[in-house]
N, C-alpha and C. Protein backbone atom coordinates (compact mmCIF):
# COMPACT_ATOMS: atom_id res chain seq x y z
N MET A 1 -4.52 -42.82 -71.69
CA MET A 1 -5.83 -42.53 -72.23
C MET A 1 -5.65 -41.89 -73.60
N ASN A 2 -6.41 -42.27 -74.50
CA ASN A 2 -6.49 -41.57 -75.77
C ASN A 2 -7.64 -42.21 -76.55
N TYR A 3 -8.81 -41.73 -76.24
CA TYR A 3 -10.03 -42.23 -76.86
C TYR A 3 -10.39 -41.32 -78.02
N SER A 4 -11.45 -41.65 -78.73
CA SER A 4 -11.90 -40.74 -79.79
C SER A 4 -12.79 -39.67 -79.15
N ALA A 5 -12.82 -38.51 -79.75
CA ALA A 5 -13.66 -37.43 -79.24
C ALA A 5 -15.14 -37.82 -79.28
N LYS A 6 -15.53 -38.62 -80.27
CA LYS A 6 -16.93 -39.08 -80.33
C LYS A 6 -17.27 -39.97 -79.14
N GLN A 7 -16.34 -40.83 -78.74
CA GLN A 7 -16.56 -41.67 -77.56
C GLN A 7 -16.74 -40.80 -76.32
N VAL A 8 -15.84 -39.86 -76.15
CA VAL A 8 -15.90 -38.98 -74.98
C VAL A 8 -17.21 -38.19 -75.00
N ALA A 9 -17.63 -37.73 -76.17
CA ALA A 9 -18.89 -36.99 -76.29
C ALA A 9 -20.06 -37.86 -75.83
N GLU A 10 -20.07 -39.13 -76.25
CA GLU A 10 -21.14 -40.04 -75.82
C GLU A 10 -21.13 -40.23 -74.31
N TRP A 11 -19.95 -40.35 -73.73
CA TRP A 11 -19.86 -40.53 -72.28
C TRP A 11 -20.40 -39.29 -71.56
N ILE A 12 -20.03 -38.11 -72.06
CA ILE A 12 -20.52 -36.87 -71.46
C ILE A 12 -22.04 -36.79 -71.56
N LEU A 13 -22.57 -37.07 -72.75
CA LEU A 13 -24.02 -37.01 -72.95
C LEU A 13 -24.75 -38.01 -72.07
N TRP A 14 -24.23 -39.22 -71.99
CA TRP A 14 -24.88 -40.26 -71.19
C TRP A 14 -24.87 -39.90 -69.71
N LEU A 15 -23.70 -39.49 -69.20
CA LEU A 15 -23.60 -39.16 -67.78
C LEU A 15 -24.46 -37.94 -67.45
N ALA A 16 -24.47 -36.96 -68.33
CA ALA A 16 -25.33 -35.80 -68.11
C ALA A 16 -26.78 -36.23 -68.00
N ALA A 17 -27.22 -37.11 -68.89
CA ALA A 17 -28.60 -37.60 -68.86
C ALA A 17 -28.90 -38.32 -67.55
N GLN A 18 -27.91 -39.06 -67.02
CA GLN A 18 -28.10 -39.75 -65.74
C GLN A 18 -28.31 -38.75 -64.60
N LYS A 19 -27.81 -37.55 -64.78
CA LYS A 19 -27.95 -36.50 -63.76
C LYS A 19 -29.11 -35.56 -64.08
N GLY A 20 -29.91 -35.94 -65.09
CA GLY A 20 -31.08 -35.13 -65.45
C GLY A 20 -30.74 -33.91 -66.27
N ILE A 21 -29.62 -33.95 -66.96
CA ILE A 21 -29.15 -32.81 -67.76
C ILE A 21 -29.12 -33.21 -69.22
N ARG A 22 -29.65 -32.37 -70.08
CA ARG A 22 -29.55 -32.57 -71.53
C ARG A 22 -28.69 -31.42 -72.08
N LEU A 23 -27.77 -31.75 -72.94
CA LEU A 23 -26.82 -30.77 -73.47
C LEU A 23 -27.11 -30.43 -74.92
N SER A 24 -26.85 -29.19 -75.27
CA SER A 24 -26.91 -28.75 -76.67
C SER A 24 -25.56 -29.05 -77.31
N PRO A 25 -25.47 -28.98 -78.64
CA PRO A 25 -24.17 -29.17 -79.29
C PRO A 25 -23.11 -28.17 -78.79
N THR A 26 -23.51 -26.93 -78.54
CA THR A 26 -22.56 -25.93 -78.04
C THR A 26 -22.07 -26.32 -76.65
N GLN A 27 -22.97 -26.71 -75.78
CA GLN A 27 -22.56 -27.14 -74.44
C GLN A 27 -21.63 -28.36 -74.52
N LEU A 28 -21.97 -29.29 -75.38
CA LEU A 28 -21.15 -30.48 -75.53
C LEU A 28 -19.72 -30.11 -75.96
N GLN A 29 -19.59 -29.19 -76.89
CA GLN A 29 -18.26 -28.78 -77.34
C GLN A 29 -17.43 -28.20 -76.20
N LYS A 30 -18.05 -27.39 -75.37
CA LYS A 30 -17.32 -26.78 -74.25
C LYS A 30 -16.97 -27.84 -73.21
N HIS A 31 -17.85 -28.82 -73.02
CA HIS A 31 -17.56 -29.92 -72.10
C HIS A 31 -16.37 -30.74 -72.62
N LEU A 32 -16.33 -30.97 -73.93
CA LEU A 32 -15.20 -31.71 -74.51
C LEU A 32 -13.88 -30.97 -74.30
N TYR A 33 -13.89 -29.68 -74.56
CA TYR A 33 -12.70 -28.85 -74.37
C TYR A 33 -12.23 -28.95 -72.91
N CYS A 34 -13.17 -28.79 -71.98
CA CYS A 34 -12.81 -28.85 -70.56
C CYS A 34 -12.32 -30.24 -70.17
N ALA A 35 -12.96 -31.28 -70.69
CA ALA A 35 -12.53 -32.64 -70.38
C ALA A 35 -11.10 -32.87 -70.86
N GLN A 36 -10.79 -32.39 -72.07
CA GLN A 36 -9.42 -32.52 -72.58
C GLN A 36 -8.47 -31.74 -71.69
N GLY A 37 -8.84 -30.52 -71.34
CA GLY A 37 -8.00 -29.69 -70.49
C GLY A 37 -7.78 -30.29 -69.11
N TYR A 38 -8.84 -30.80 -68.50
CA TYR A 38 -8.72 -31.41 -67.18
C TYR A 38 -7.82 -32.64 -67.25
N SER A 39 -8.00 -33.43 -68.28
CA SER A 39 -7.16 -34.62 -68.42
C SER A 39 -5.69 -34.24 -68.56
N LEU A 40 -5.42 -33.27 -69.41
CA LEU A 40 -4.05 -32.81 -69.59
C LEU A 40 -3.49 -32.20 -68.31
N GLY A 41 -4.33 -31.41 -67.64
CA GLY A 41 -3.87 -30.73 -66.44
C GLY A 41 -3.65 -31.65 -65.26
N MET A 42 -4.49 -32.66 -65.13
CA MET A 42 -4.38 -33.55 -63.98
C MET A 42 -3.46 -34.74 -64.21
N THR A 43 -3.45 -35.27 -65.44
CA THR A 43 -2.69 -36.49 -65.69
C THR A 43 -1.53 -36.29 -66.66
N GLY A 44 -1.59 -35.22 -67.44
CA GLY A 44 -0.58 -35.00 -68.47
C GLY A 44 -0.90 -35.71 -69.77
N ASP A 45 -1.99 -36.48 -69.80
CA ASP A 45 -2.38 -37.26 -70.98
C ASP A 45 -3.61 -36.67 -71.65
N LYS A 46 -3.64 -36.81 -72.98
CA LYS A 46 -4.83 -36.42 -73.73
C LYS A 46 -5.95 -37.42 -73.43
N LEU A 47 -7.17 -36.92 -73.40
CA LEU A 47 -8.32 -37.80 -73.27
C LEU A 47 -8.73 -38.30 -74.64
N PHE A 48 -8.59 -37.45 -75.66
CA PHE A 48 -8.89 -37.84 -77.03
C PHE A 48 -7.85 -37.22 -77.96
N GLY A 49 -7.74 -37.78 -79.15
CA GLY A 49 -6.67 -37.38 -80.05
C GLY A 49 -7.00 -36.28 -81.05
N GLU A 50 -8.28 -36.03 -81.30
CA GLU A 50 -8.65 -35.04 -82.32
C GLU A 50 -8.31 -33.62 -81.85
N PRO A 51 -7.94 -32.76 -82.80
CA PRO A 51 -7.61 -31.38 -82.44
C PRO A 51 -8.85 -30.57 -82.06
N ILE A 52 -8.60 -29.51 -81.32
CA ILE A 52 -9.65 -28.56 -80.93
C ILE A 52 -9.33 -27.25 -81.65
N TYR A 53 -10.34 -26.66 -82.27
CA TYR A 53 -10.17 -25.43 -83.04
C TYR A 53 -10.84 -24.25 -82.34
N ALA A 54 -10.30 -23.07 -82.57
CA ALA A 54 -10.88 -21.84 -82.04
C ALA A 54 -11.86 -21.29 -83.07
N TRP A 55 -13.13 -21.56 -82.88
CA TRP A 55 -14.15 -21.04 -83.78
C TRP A 55 -14.89 -19.90 -83.10
N GLY A 56 -15.75 -19.26 -83.83
CA GLY A 56 -16.44 -18.07 -83.33
C GLY A 56 -17.16 -18.24 -82.01
N HIS A 57 -17.76 -19.40 -81.78
CA HIS A 57 -18.49 -19.63 -80.53
C HIS A 57 -17.66 -20.35 -79.49
N GLY A 58 -16.37 -20.50 -79.74
CA GLY A 58 -15.49 -21.12 -78.76
C GLY A 58 -14.78 -22.34 -79.31
N PRO A 59 -14.17 -23.11 -78.41
CA PRO A 59 -13.44 -24.32 -78.82
C PRO A 59 -14.37 -25.36 -79.42
N VAL A 60 -13.91 -25.98 -80.52
CA VAL A 60 -14.73 -26.95 -81.26
C VAL A 60 -13.88 -28.13 -81.72
N VAL A 61 -14.43 -29.32 -81.56
CA VAL A 61 -13.86 -30.53 -82.15
C VAL A 61 -14.71 -30.80 -83.39
N ARG A 62 -14.14 -30.63 -84.56
CA ARG A 62 -14.90 -30.71 -85.82
C ARG A 62 -15.69 -32.01 -85.98
N GLU A 63 -15.04 -33.13 -85.70
CA GLU A 63 -15.69 -34.42 -85.90
C GLU A 63 -16.97 -34.53 -85.07
N VAL A 64 -16.92 -34.03 -83.87
CA VAL A 64 -18.10 -34.08 -82.98
C VAL A 64 -19.14 -33.07 -83.44
N LEU A 65 -18.69 -31.91 -83.86
CA LEU A 65 -19.62 -30.89 -84.36
C LEU A 65 -20.41 -31.44 -85.55
N HIS A 66 -19.74 -32.05 -86.50
CA HIS A 66 -20.42 -32.59 -87.67
C HIS A 66 -21.37 -33.74 -87.30
N HIS A 67 -20.97 -34.54 -86.34
CA HIS A 67 -21.79 -35.68 -85.92
C HIS A 67 -23.11 -35.23 -85.27
N TYR A 68 -23.08 -34.14 -84.49
CA TYR A 68 -24.27 -33.69 -83.77
C TYR A 68 -24.91 -32.44 -84.36
N ARG A 69 -24.46 -32.02 -85.51
CA ARG A 69 -24.97 -30.81 -86.16
C ARG A 69 -26.48 -30.86 -86.38
N ARG A 70 -27.02 -32.03 -86.63
CA ARG A 70 -28.46 -32.17 -86.92
C ARG A 70 -29.35 -31.68 -85.78
N PHE A 71 -28.79 -31.57 -84.57
CA PHE A 71 -29.59 -31.11 -83.44
C PHE A 71 -29.71 -29.59 -83.39
N GLY A 72 -28.92 -28.88 -84.19
CA GLY A 72 -28.98 -27.42 -84.20
C GLY A 72 -28.73 -26.86 -82.81
N ALA A 73 -29.65 -26.01 -82.33
CA ALA A 73 -29.54 -25.43 -80.98
C ALA A 73 -30.32 -26.26 -79.96
N ASN A 74 -30.93 -27.35 -80.41
CA ASN A 74 -31.73 -28.20 -79.52
C ASN A 74 -30.84 -29.10 -78.68
N LYS A 75 -31.43 -29.68 -77.67
CA LYS A 75 -30.72 -30.62 -76.80
C LYS A 75 -30.50 -31.93 -77.56
N ILE A 76 -29.35 -32.54 -77.33
CA ILE A 76 -28.97 -33.78 -78.00
C ILE A 76 -29.62 -34.97 -77.29
N THR A 77 -30.12 -35.90 -78.06
CA THR A 77 -30.64 -37.14 -77.49
C THR A 77 -29.44 -37.98 -77.06
N PRO A 78 -29.38 -38.32 -75.77
CA PRO A 78 -28.20 -39.08 -75.29
C PRO A 78 -28.27 -40.54 -75.73
N PRO A 79 -27.13 -41.20 -75.75
CA PRO A 79 -27.13 -42.63 -76.07
C PRO A 79 -27.86 -43.41 -74.98
N ALA A 80 -28.37 -44.59 -75.35
CA ALA A 80 -29.13 -45.40 -74.40
C ALA A 80 -28.28 -45.87 -73.23
N ARG A 81 -27.09 -46.35 -73.50
CA ARG A 81 -26.22 -46.87 -72.44
C ARG A 81 -24.80 -46.91 -72.96
N VAL A 82 -23.88 -46.45 -72.14
CA VAL A 82 -22.46 -46.55 -72.48
C VAL A 82 -21.69 -46.97 -71.24
N GLU A 83 -20.54 -47.51 -71.46
CA GLU A 83 -19.63 -47.85 -70.37
C GLU A 83 -18.47 -46.87 -70.42
N ILE A 84 -18.30 -46.12 -69.37
CA ILE A 84 -17.19 -45.16 -69.30
C ILE A 84 -16.02 -45.86 -68.62
N PRO A 85 -14.87 -45.90 -69.29
CA PRO A 85 -13.70 -46.55 -68.68
C PRO A 85 -13.31 -45.86 -67.37
N PRO A 86 -12.81 -46.63 -66.42
CA PRO A 86 -12.45 -46.06 -65.13
C PRO A 86 -11.45 -44.91 -65.22
N ASP A 87 -10.52 -44.97 -66.18
CA ASP A 87 -9.52 -43.90 -66.26
C ASP A 87 -10.08 -42.60 -66.80
N ALA A 88 -11.30 -42.62 -67.34
CA ALA A 88 -11.93 -41.40 -67.85
C ALA A 88 -13.14 -40.98 -67.02
N SER A 89 -13.69 -41.89 -66.24
CA SER A 89 -14.96 -41.61 -65.56
C SER A 89 -14.87 -40.46 -64.56
N GLY A 90 -13.78 -40.37 -63.83
CA GLY A 90 -13.63 -39.30 -62.85
C GLY A 90 -13.63 -37.93 -63.50
N ILE A 91 -12.89 -37.80 -64.59
CA ILE A 91 -12.81 -36.52 -65.29
C ILE A 91 -14.17 -36.15 -65.88
N ILE A 92 -14.82 -37.12 -66.51
CA ILE A 92 -16.13 -36.87 -67.11
C ILE A 92 -17.12 -36.45 -66.02
N ASP A 93 -17.10 -37.12 -64.89
CA ASP A 93 -18.02 -36.79 -63.81
C ASP A 93 -17.77 -35.38 -63.27
N VAL A 94 -16.51 -35.01 -63.10
CA VAL A 94 -16.19 -33.67 -62.60
C VAL A 94 -16.69 -32.61 -63.58
N ILE A 95 -16.50 -32.82 -64.85
CA ILE A 95 -16.93 -31.86 -65.86
C ILE A 95 -18.46 -31.73 -65.87
N VAL A 96 -19.15 -32.85 -65.95
CA VAL A 96 -20.62 -32.83 -66.01
C VAL A 96 -21.20 -32.26 -64.72
N SER A 97 -20.67 -32.66 -63.58
CA SER A 97 -21.18 -32.17 -62.31
C SER A 97 -20.93 -30.67 -62.14
N GLY A 98 -19.77 -30.22 -62.58
CA GLY A 98 -19.42 -28.81 -62.40
C GLY A 98 -19.97 -27.87 -63.45
N LYS A 99 -20.12 -28.34 -64.67
CA LYS A 99 -20.50 -27.45 -65.77
C LYS A 99 -21.79 -27.85 -66.46
N GLY A 100 -22.39 -28.96 -66.06
CA GLY A 100 -23.54 -29.51 -66.75
C GLY A 100 -24.73 -28.58 -66.87
N ARG A 101 -24.96 -27.76 -65.86
CA ARG A 101 -26.14 -26.89 -65.89
C ARG A 101 -25.84 -25.48 -66.40
N ALA A 102 -24.60 -25.23 -66.78
CA ALA A 102 -24.24 -23.92 -67.34
C ALA A 102 -24.86 -23.78 -68.73
N THR A 103 -25.29 -22.58 -69.06
CA THR A 103 -25.92 -22.33 -70.35
C THR A 103 -24.86 -22.25 -71.45
N ASP A 104 -25.35 -22.27 -72.69
CA ASP A 104 -24.45 -22.11 -73.84
C ASP A 104 -23.62 -20.84 -73.68
N SER A 105 -24.28 -19.74 -73.38
CA SER A 105 -23.56 -18.46 -73.33
C SER A 105 -22.61 -18.40 -72.13
N GLU A 106 -22.96 -19.00 -71.00
CA GLU A 106 -22.04 -19.02 -69.85
C GLU A 106 -20.78 -19.80 -70.20
N LEU A 107 -20.96 -20.94 -70.84
CA LEU A 107 -19.80 -21.76 -71.23
C LEU A 107 -18.97 -21.07 -72.31
N ARG A 108 -19.65 -20.45 -73.26
CA ARG A 108 -18.95 -19.73 -74.34
C ARG A 108 -18.12 -18.59 -73.74
N ASN A 109 -18.72 -17.80 -72.86
CA ASN A 109 -18.01 -16.68 -72.24
C ASN A 109 -16.81 -17.15 -71.42
N ALA A 110 -16.99 -18.25 -70.70
CA ALA A 110 -15.90 -18.78 -69.88
C ALA A 110 -14.72 -19.23 -70.75
N THR A 111 -15.01 -19.97 -71.80
CA THR A 111 -13.91 -20.46 -72.65
C THR A 111 -13.28 -19.33 -73.45
N HIS A 112 -14.08 -18.34 -73.84
CA HIS A 112 -13.52 -17.19 -74.57
C HIS A 112 -12.52 -16.42 -73.71
N ALA A 113 -12.73 -16.44 -72.40
CA ALA A 113 -11.85 -15.70 -71.49
C ALA A 113 -10.56 -16.45 -71.16
N GLU A 114 -10.49 -17.72 -71.52
CA GLU A 114 -9.31 -18.51 -71.19
C GLU A 114 -8.23 -18.36 -72.25
N LEU A 115 -6.99 -18.37 -71.79
CA LEU A 115 -5.84 -18.13 -72.66
C LEU A 115 -5.75 -19.05 -73.88
N PRO A 116 -5.99 -20.35 -73.77
CA PRO A 116 -5.85 -21.17 -74.97
C PRO A 116 -6.73 -20.69 -76.12
N TYR A 117 -7.98 -20.35 -75.82
CA TYR A 117 -8.87 -19.87 -76.88
C TYR A 117 -8.53 -18.43 -77.27
N SER A 118 -8.39 -17.55 -76.29
CA SER A 118 -8.22 -16.13 -76.59
C SER A 118 -6.91 -15.81 -77.30
N SER A 119 -5.92 -16.68 -77.16
CA SER A 119 -4.63 -16.40 -77.82
C SER A 119 -4.47 -17.15 -79.15
N THR A 120 -5.49 -17.87 -79.56
CA THR A 120 -5.42 -18.63 -80.81
C THR A 120 -6.24 -17.90 -81.87
N PRO A 121 -5.69 -17.70 -83.07
CA PRO A 121 -6.46 -17.05 -84.13
C PRO A 121 -7.71 -17.87 -84.48
N LEU A 122 -8.78 -17.18 -84.86
CA LEU A 122 -10.01 -17.86 -85.25
C LEU A 122 -9.75 -18.87 -86.36
N ASP A 123 -10.41 -19.99 -86.28
CA ASP A 123 -10.34 -21.11 -87.22
C ASP A 123 -9.03 -21.89 -87.17
N ALA A 124 -8.12 -21.52 -86.26
CA ALA A 124 -6.86 -22.24 -86.13
C ALA A 124 -6.98 -23.30 -85.03
N GLU A 125 -6.14 -24.30 -85.13
CA GLU A 125 -6.08 -25.33 -84.09
C GLU A 125 -5.49 -24.73 -82.82
N ILE A 126 -6.12 -24.99 -81.70
CA ILE A 126 -5.58 -24.55 -80.42
C ILE A 126 -4.45 -25.52 -80.06
N PRO A 127 -3.23 -25.01 -79.90
CA PRO A 127 -2.10 -25.92 -79.62
C PRO A 127 -2.34 -26.72 -78.33
N ILE A 128 -2.16 -28.01 -78.42
CA ILE A 128 -2.40 -28.90 -77.29
C ILE A 128 -1.51 -28.52 -76.11
N GLN A 129 -0.28 -28.08 -76.40
CA GLN A 129 0.62 -27.68 -75.32
C GLN A 129 0.09 -26.46 -74.59
N LEU A 130 -0.55 -25.55 -75.30
CA LEU A 130 -1.14 -24.37 -74.69
C LEU A 130 -2.29 -24.77 -73.76
N ILE A 131 -3.11 -25.71 -74.20
CA ILE A 131 -4.20 -26.22 -73.36
C ILE A 131 -3.60 -26.88 -72.11
N LYS A 132 -2.60 -27.71 -72.32
CA LYS A 132 -1.98 -28.42 -71.20
C LYS A 132 -1.38 -27.44 -70.19
N ASP A 133 -0.61 -26.49 -70.67
CA ASP A 133 0.03 -25.52 -69.77
C ASP A 133 -1.01 -24.74 -68.96
N PHE A 134 -2.08 -24.33 -69.63
CA PHE A 134 -3.13 -23.58 -68.96
C PHE A 134 -3.78 -24.40 -67.84
N PHE A 135 -4.12 -25.63 -68.13
CA PHE A 135 -4.81 -26.45 -67.14
C PHE A 135 -3.86 -27.00 -66.07
N VAL A 136 -2.61 -27.26 -66.41
CA VAL A 136 -1.65 -27.68 -65.40
C VAL A 136 -1.54 -26.59 -64.34
N GLU A 137 -1.48 -25.36 -64.79
CA GLU A 137 -1.38 -24.23 -63.86
C GLU A 137 -2.60 -24.16 -62.94
N ARG A 138 -3.76 -24.51 -63.45
CA ARG A 138 -4.98 -24.49 -62.63
C ARG A 138 -4.95 -25.56 -61.55
N PHE A 139 -4.33 -26.68 -61.81
CA PHE A 139 -4.36 -27.80 -60.88
C PHE A 139 -3.10 -27.95 -60.03
N TRP A 140 -1.98 -27.45 -60.49
CA TRP A 140 -0.73 -27.75 -59.81
C TRP A 140 0.05 -26.54 -59.34
N ILE A 141 -0.61 -25.42 -59.14
CA ILE A 141 0.09 -24.27 -58.56
C ILE A 141 0.44 -24.65 -57.13
N SER A 142 1.69 -24.52 -56.78
CA SER A 142 2.09 -24.92 -55.43
C SER A 142 2.53 -23.70 -54.65
N ASP A 143 2.41 -23.82 -53.36
CA ASP A 143 2.99 -22.83 -52.47
C ASP A 143 3.84 -23.60 -51.48
N GLU A 144 4.39 -22.93 -50.51
CA GLU A 144 5.31 -23.60 -49.59
C GLU A 144 4.67 -24.79 -48.89
N GLU A 145 3.38 -24.72 -48.62
CA GLU A 145 2.70 -25.81 -47.92
C GLU A 145 2.58 -27.05 -48.79
N ASP A 146 2.68 -26.91 -50.11
CA ASP A 146 2.54 -28.04 -51.00
C ASP A 146 3.85 -28.78 -51.25
N GLU A 147 4.93 -28.26 -50.74
CA GLU A 147 6.22 -28.87 -51.00
C GLU A 147 6.28 -30.26 -50.38
N TYR A 148 6.96 -31.14 -51.05
CA TYR A 148 7.11 -32.51 -50.58
C TYR A 148 8.04 -32.55 -49.38
N GLU A 149 7.59 -33.15 -48.31
CA GLU A 149 8.43 -33.35 -47.15
C GLU A 149 8.45 -34.85 -46.85
N PRO A 150 9.59 -35.48 -47.02
CA PRO A 150 9.65 -36.91 -46.77
C PRO A 150 9.48 -37.22 -45.28
N SER A 151 8.95 -38.38 -45.00
CA SER A 151 8.86 -38.83 -43.61
C SER A 151 9.74 -40.07 -43.46
N PHE A 152 10.25 -40.26 -42.25
CA PHE A 152 11.19 -41.33 -42.00
C PHE A 152 10.78 -42.10 -40.76
N ASP A 153 11.14 -43.38 -40.73
CA ASP A 153 10.83 -44.22 -39.57
C ASP A 153 11.79 -43.97 -38.41
N ASN A 154 13.02 -43.59 -38.76
CA ASN A 154 14.00 -43.33 -37.70
C ASN A 154 15.04 -42.33 -38.19
N GLU A 155 15.88 -41.88 -37.25
CA GLU A 155 16.88 -40.86 -37.56
C GLU A 155 17.92 -41.36 -38.55
N GLU A 156 18.25 -42.64 -38.49
CA GLU A 156 19.24 -43.22 -39.40
C GLU A 156 18.76 -43.14 -40.86
N ASP A 157 17.48 -43.46 -41.10
CA ASP A 157 16.92 -43.36 -42.45
C ASP A 157 16.92 -41.92 -42.94
N GLU A 158 16.62 -41.00 -42.02
CA GLU A 158 16.62 -39.59 -42.39
C GLU A 158 18.01 -39.13 -42.80
N LEU A 159 19.01 -39.50 -42.01
CA LEU A 159 20.39 -39.12 -42.34
C LEU A 159 20.83 -39.74 -43.66
N ALA A 160 20.47 -40.99 -43.89
CA ALA A 160 20.84 -41.67 -45.13
C ALA A 160 20.22 -40.96 -46.33
N PHE A 161 18.94 -40.56 -46.19
CA PHE A 161 18.27 -39.85 -47.28
C PHE A 161 19.00 -38.56 -47.62
N PHE A 162 19.32 -37.77 -46.59
CA PHE A 162 19.95 -36.48 -46.86
C PHE A 162 21.37 -36.65 -47.36
N ARG A 163 22.07 -37.66 -46.89
CA ARG A 163 23.41 -37.92 -47.41
C ARG A 163 23.37 -38.25 -48.90
N GLU A 164 22.41 -39.10 -49.28
CA GLU A 164 22.28 -39.50 -50.68
C GLU A 164 21.83 -38.36 -51.58
N SER A 165 21.09 -37.43 -51.03
CA SER A 165 20.58 -36.34 -51.86
C SER A 165 21.59 -35.21 -52.02
N LEU A 166 22.67 -35.25 -51.26
CA LEU A 166 23.69 -34.21 -51.37
C LEU A 166 24.63 -34.49 -52.54
N SER A 167 25.13 -33.42 -53.11
CA SER A 167 26.14 -33.57 -54.16
C SER A 167 27.41 -34.10 -53.50
N PRO A 168 28.31 -34.71 -54.28
CA PRO A 168 29.55 -35.24 -53.70
C PRO A 168 30.35 -34.17 -52.95
N GLU A 169 30.37 -32.95 -53.46
CA GLU A 169 31.12 -31.87 -52.80
C GLU A 169 30.52 -31.55 -51.45
N LYS A 170 29.19 -31.42 -51.40
CA LYS A 170 28.53 -31.09 -50.14
C LYS A 170 28.62 -32.25 -49.16
N ARG A 171 28.57 -33.48 -49.68
CA ARG A 171 28.70 -34.65 -48.82
C ARG A 171 30.07 -34.64 -48.14
N LYS A 172 31.13 -34.32 -48.91
CA LYS A 172 32.49 -34.25 -48.36
C LYS A 172 32.58 -33.15 -47.32
N MET A 173 31.97 -31.99 -47.59
CA MET A 173 32.00 -30.89 -46.62
C MET A 173 31.30 -31.31 -45.33
N LEU A 174 30.17 -32.02 -45.44
CA LEU A 174 29.44 -32.47 -44.26
C LEU A 174 30.27 -33.49 -43.47
N GLN A 175 30.90 -34.42 -44.17
CA GLN A 175 31.75 -35.43 -43.50
C GLN A 175 32.90 -34.75 -42.77
N ASP A 176 33.53 -33.77 -43.43
CA ASP A 176 34.64 -33.06 -42.81
C ASP A 176 34.17 -32.30 -41.56
N ALA A 177 32.99 -31.66 -41.66
CA ALA A 177 32.47 -30.92 -40.53
C ALA A 177 32.11 -31.84 -39.37
N LEU A 178 31.57 -33.01 -39.67
CA LEU A 178 31.19 -33.96 -38.63
C LEU A 178 32.40 -34.61 -37.97
N SER A 179 33.49 -34.75 -38.72
CA SER A 179 34.69 -35.40 -38.16
C SER A 179 35.48 -34.45 -37.27
N ASP A 180 35.25 -33.16 -37.33
CA ASP A 180 35.99 -32.19 -36.47
C ASP A 180 35.49 -32.17 -35.08
């Protein structure tokens, strides 16, 4: 995935409208930031290529800000119809469903409290790696229950798996122990 931020903004606006939600430019900016973060955190891929900056009211994609600036603090008129690609639709839906009704100030406060924004100097680009690391941690924190446990059809497959996963030294030690 790597769409333009304007495309993603249109998808967010259109889907929000389908759910009876109209977004302001400030809300749209926070939705874009979250969509990029969710994409990075869940898939490791950027949703769009444009940088996100730490501005006074939170994370901002300049190109989208300039495009929708004419709406001021008013709600943006959504596009008539767009097609959201399948690889982006799930992320867009999660963002709009989860954050669509949050106010400008709720979204601003939430993003201001997050490490990518709070650790970036004002007017500077928020490092994409910082966004990725922050959101990966939100989605992929594991505990013992999350560890991968392979399943096997029979005992022979299980033994073969563990034999192959052992280092040559440990494999030799196991063979020696089994032969005694």
